[in-house]
Amino acid sequence: MTDVERELALKVIGKLHPNVKLDENSNIWQLAAKRNSGIRVIGVIVTEQLYYFYPLFIDHHHLLLPSKKYNQRDYKKYNFLPQESW
């Protein structure tokens, strides 16, 4: 993740979760949520004795980390409804 993408992720997280305080040392990750679905989950990994992943938002349009396969001008054709998909 580049510095620009990291800053964008921090802005999104700040708007969605105003009580979550992250800093420059926060370990932000992107994970594929479901194989071949193109869904990306952005969150932080906290390491103590075990690794814990805390999901913070879903980037189903791949706007944070662009992809030629999934970034399209017509976002309406990517109908993502997690309550129906998961």
C-alpha atoms as a PDB file:
ATOM      1  CA  MET A   1       0.000   0.000   0.000  1.00  0.00           C
ATOM      2  CA  THR A   2       1.461   3.359  -1.012  1.00  0.00           C
ATOM      3  CA  ASP A   3       1.453   6.434   1.228  1.00  0.00           C
ATOM      4  CA  VAL A   4      -1.371   7.950  -0.860  1.00  0.00           C
ATOM      5  CA  GLU A   5      -3.508   4.802  -0.545  1.00  0.00           C
ATOM      6  CA  ARG A   6      -2.755   4.628   3.171  1.00  0.00           C
ATOM      7  CA  GLU A   7      -3.836   8.247   3.687  1.00  0.00           C
ATOM      8  CA  LEU A   8      -7.056   7.587   1.754  1.00  0.00           C
ATOM      9  CA  ALA A   9      -7.744   4.491   3.874  1.00  0.00           C
ATOM     10  CA  LEU A  10      -7.183   6.523   7.056  1.00  0.00           C
ATOM     11  CA  LYS A  11      -9.646   9.188   5.820  1.00  0.00           C
ATOM     12  CA  VAL A  12     -12.305   6.570   5.045  1.00  0.00           C
ATOM     13  CA  ILE A  13     -11.763   4.861   8.409  1.00  0.00           C
ATOM     14  CA  GLY A  14     -11.964   8.239  10.167  1.00  0.00           C
ATOM     15  CA  LYS A  15     -15.325   9.018   8.548  1.00  0.00           C
ATOM     16  CA  LEU A  16     -16.814   5.574   9.155  1.00  0.00           C
ATOM     17  CA  HIS A  17     -15.357   5.038  12.623  1.00  0.00           C
ATOM     18  CA  PRO A  18     -14.742   8.413  14.295  1.00  0.00           C
ATOM     19  CA  ASN A  19     -13.911   6.758  17.632  1.00  0.00           C
ATOM     20  CA  VAL A  20     -11.135   4.583  16.135  1.00  0.00           C
ATOM     21  CA  LYS A  21      -7.773   6.298  16.525  1.00  0.00           C
ATOM     22  CA  LEU A  22      -5.049   5.086  14.168  1.00  0.00           C
ATOM     23  CA  ASP A  23      -1.574   6.523  13.716  1.00  0.00           C
ATOM     24  CA  GLU A  24       1.392   6.137  11.356  1.00  0.00           C
ATOM     25  CA  ASN A  25       2.325   2.878  13.077  1.00  0.00           C
ATOM     26  CA  SER A  26      -1.056   1.256  12.482  1.00  0.00           C
ATOM     27  CA  ASN A  27      -0.732  -1.885  10.391  1.00  0.00           C
ATOM     28  CA  ILE A  28      -3.423  -1.432   7.674  1.00  0.00           C
ATOM     29  CA  TRP A  29      -4.115  -4.468   5.497  1.00  0.00           C
ATOM     30  CA  GLN A  30      -6.316  -5.447   2.585  1.00  0.00           C
ATOM     31  CA  LEU A  31      -7.702  -8.988   2.434  1.00  0.00           C
ATOM     32  CA  ALA A  32      -9.792 -10.780  -0.163  1.00  0.00           C
ATOM     33  CA  ALA A  33     -13.118 -11.542   1.494  1.00  0.00           C
ATOM     34  CA  LYS A  34     -14.372 -14.336  -0.719  1.00  0.00           C
ATOM     35  CA  ARG A  35     -12.436 -16.208  -3.369  1.00  0.00           C
ATOM     36  CA  ASN A  36     -13.036 -14.937  -6.925  1.00  0.00           C
ATOM     37  CA  SER A  37     -15.613 -12.410  -5.739  1.00  0.00           C
ATOM     38  CA  GLY A  38     -13.352  -9.367  -5.990  1.00  0.00           C
ATOM     39  CA  ILE A  39     -14.457  -8.137  -2.566  1.00  0.00           C
ATOM     40  CA  ARG A  40     -11.740  -6.479  -0.500  1.00  0.00           C
ATOM     41  CA  VAL A  41     -11.876  -5.927   3.233  1.00  0.00           C
ATOM     42  CA  ILE A  42      -9.690  -3.171   4.662  1.00  0.00           C
ATOM     43  CA  GLY A  43      -8.713  -3.381   8.303  1.00  0.00           C
ATOM     44  CA  VAL A  44      -5.896  -3.305  10.781  1.00  0.00           C
ATOM     45  CA  ILE A  45      -3.791  -6.110  12.164  1.00  0.00           C
ATOM     46  CA  VAL A  46      -2.879  -5.937  15.821  1.00  0.00           C
ATOM     47  CA  THR A  47      -0.011  -8.109  16.915  1.00  0.00           C
ATOM     48  CA  GLU A  48       0.499  -9.250  20.440  1.00  0.00           C
ATOM     49  CA  GLN A  49       1.074 -12.940  21.033  1.00  0.00           C
ATOM     50  CA  LEU A  50      -1.453 -13.644  18.263  1.00  0.00           C
ATOM     51  CA  TYR A  51      -2.422 -11.714  15.142  1.00  0.00           C
ATOM     52  CA  TYR A  52      -5.882 -10.121  15.246  1.00  0.00           C
ATOM     53  CA  PHE A  53      -7.509  -8.630  12.134  1.00  0.00           C
ATOM     54  CA  TYR A  54     -10.144  -5.957  12.723  1.00  0.00           C
ATOM     55  CA  PRO A  55     -12.175  -5.227   9.561  1.00  0.00           C
ATOM     56  CA  LEU A  56     -13.043  -1.544   9.156  1.00  0.00           C
ATOM     57  CA  PHE A  57     -14.627  -1.238   5.716  1.00  0.00           C
ATOM     58  CA  ILE A  58     -15.368  -3.111   2.483  1.00  0.00           C
ATOM     59  CA  ASP A  59     -13.885  -1.747  -0.751  1.00  0.00           C
ATOM     60  CA  HIS A  60     -16.120  -3.607  -3.197  1.00  0.00           C
ATOM     61  CA  HIS A  61     -15.470  -1.105  -6.023  1.00  0.00           C
ATOM     62  CA  HIS A  62     -11.678  -1.299  -5.551  1.00  0.00           C
ATOM     63  CA  LEU A  63     -11.440   2.458  -5.185  1.00  0.00           C
ATOM     64  CA  LEU A  64      -8.643   2.327  -2.616  1.00  0.00           C
ATOM     65  CA  LEU A  65      -6.360   0.036  -4.612  1.00  0.00           C
ATOM     66  CA  PRO A  66      -7.413   0.256  -8.275  1.00  0.00           C
ATOM     67  CA  SER A  67      -7.859  -2.816 -10.434  1.00  0.00           C
ATOM     68  CA  LYS A  68      -8.467  -2.826 -14.195  1.00  0.00           C
ATOM     69  CA  LYS A  69     -10.727  -5.829 -13.697  1.00  0.00           C
ATOM     70  CA  TYR A  70     -12.974  -4.201 -11.084  1.00  0.00           C
ATOM     71  CA  ASN A  71     -12.638  -0.415 -11.466  1.00  0.00           C
ATOM     72  CA  GLN A  72     -15.275   0.601 -13.956  1.00  0.00           C
ATOM     73  CA  ARG A  73     -17.030   3.893 -14.525  1.00  0.00           C
ATOM     74  CA  ASP A  74     -20.364   2.089 -14.239  1.00  0.00           C
ATOM     75  CA  TYR A  75     -20.362   1.048 -10.575  1.00  0.00           C
ATOM     76  CA  LYS A  76     -24.007   0.028 -10.802  1.00  0.00           C
ATOM     77  CA  LYS A  77     -23.089  -3.216 -12.528  1.00  0.00           C
ATOM     78  CA  TYR A  78     -21.281  -4.359  -9.388  1.00  0.00           C
ATOM     79  CA  ASN A  79     -24.233  -4.922  -7.098  1.00  0.00           C
ATOM     80  CA  PHE A  80     -22.753  -5.958  -3.786  1.00  0.00           C
ATOM     81  CA  LEU A  81     -25.229  -6.853  -1.082  1.00  0.00           C
ATOM     82  CA  PRO A  82     -23.377  -8.537   1.782  1.00  0.00           C
ATOM     83  CA  GLN A  83     -26.584  -9.730   3.394  1.00  0.00           C
ATOM     84  CA  GLU A  84     -27.330 -11.738   0.240  1.00  0.00           C
ATOM     85  CA  SER A  85     -23.780 -12.799  -0.542  1.00  0.00           C
ATOM     86  CA  TRP A  86     -22.613 -13.935   2.893  1.00  0.00           C
END
